């Protein structure tokens, strides 16, 4: 159900010719936010882990080649025989090894890696929602600052006219110097509030530009409800516990920890490997013997082929693997505790956000009524002052109350939309895909499918 709000007339009169809406801000953030882009690249890098994990099922092939030349010379003295030798050796080999059984640790490692990758996907979605929520907060803050500056400008104009009127009346004897001084003080105070509001607006612009990559516009459009919210708090909790990326990440972390325990347990079991190799060498020897009319050039060609099975049984490794297994078991327990904590946090956040949203929603119409009532009160007190039944201080006090009522209304609108978007985040819908933003959606699953079987 849409809840429409009658906002300040000064803001509505400005239109949106130079403004942007919240969807524009989210689109730009999705395409340009540096933290979000960095997280996506980390996910792509994480996908390579599945290729590395599957390496345990694939053979390892090594090839070697060598060539050596050695020269020797032997001299036994005068009138004796001198020997000179030249040896040339060439060899090459290829070896293949394939693991046949490793205590099922390879399968557990692959499964663990898959769960880790899906946990990264959930982290990416959570980062996207967190970024969008920051952008929305910055957008709402920018919207509120623009509105506040307009209110401060209107207040300054009123105080300036009041000061000028009091000054003229004092000169004619209708007001005292005390009343004129009071009007001047309120006028100076209004100037200070406007300057402070402008400074806060510039800070809000800087934050908006940092998060979205957009240049802050002249104004922003009135916030809108991008999606409908659940009709009850129970429905909100049900959706959040099923779709919130934090709960999905916690569940994947439990599965990953379990598979890690299996992988370590497999290291305590026997391992069977098949190994095969072939090698060939060529040796050429040339010997020159002085004083003996004989030269020998023997040549050797040797080939060696081997095939075998190797069974290795771990007996004792200083207790390292068993300690790692106990550590892995404790990590499983820790992940389960964390899952329950995440679950309780989501439930609590749903309760807080929904109740606060309903309370603020009920105050929306009251804040609008209060502004209208204060505007009528200012006009009435001003007329009574003209009739002589009220004094200037009554008008100034009424205007101060009107200023605060308008600022409170702006804050109420800001809080209303923030909690509305926060409930979308709790449901896992505050994403480019969930909001159906006009952008090219980054889908990590497609990259994963492309590379998971690379060799």
Foldseek 3Di string as FASTA:
>chain_A
DFDDFDADPVVVVVDDPFAAALLLLLQLLCVDQPVLVVLVVVLLVLLVQLVVLCVLQDKDKDKDKDKDKDKDWDDPDPPDKIKIKIKIKIKMKMKIKGWDAQLCLSVLSNQLSVLVSVLSVLVSLLVSLVLSLLLLLLQLQLQLLVLLLVLLVVLLVVLVVLLVVQVVCVVVPNHPVVLNVVSVVSNVVSVVSNVVSVVSNVVSQVSNCNSRVDRHIPHYDQHGQLDDFDPDLVVLLVLLCVAQSVLSSLVSQLSSLVSNLSSLVSNQAKIKMKMKMKMKMKMWMWMDMPPDPDIDIDIDIDMDIDIDMDIDHDDDDPCPSVVVSVVSVVSSVVSVVVSVVVSVVLSVLSVVLVVVLVVLSVCQVVLVVQLVVLVVVLVVLVVVVVVPNHPSVSNSVSSVSNSVSSSVNSVSSSSNVSSSSVSCNSSSQSHCVSSVRPDDDDDSVVSSVVPSPPD
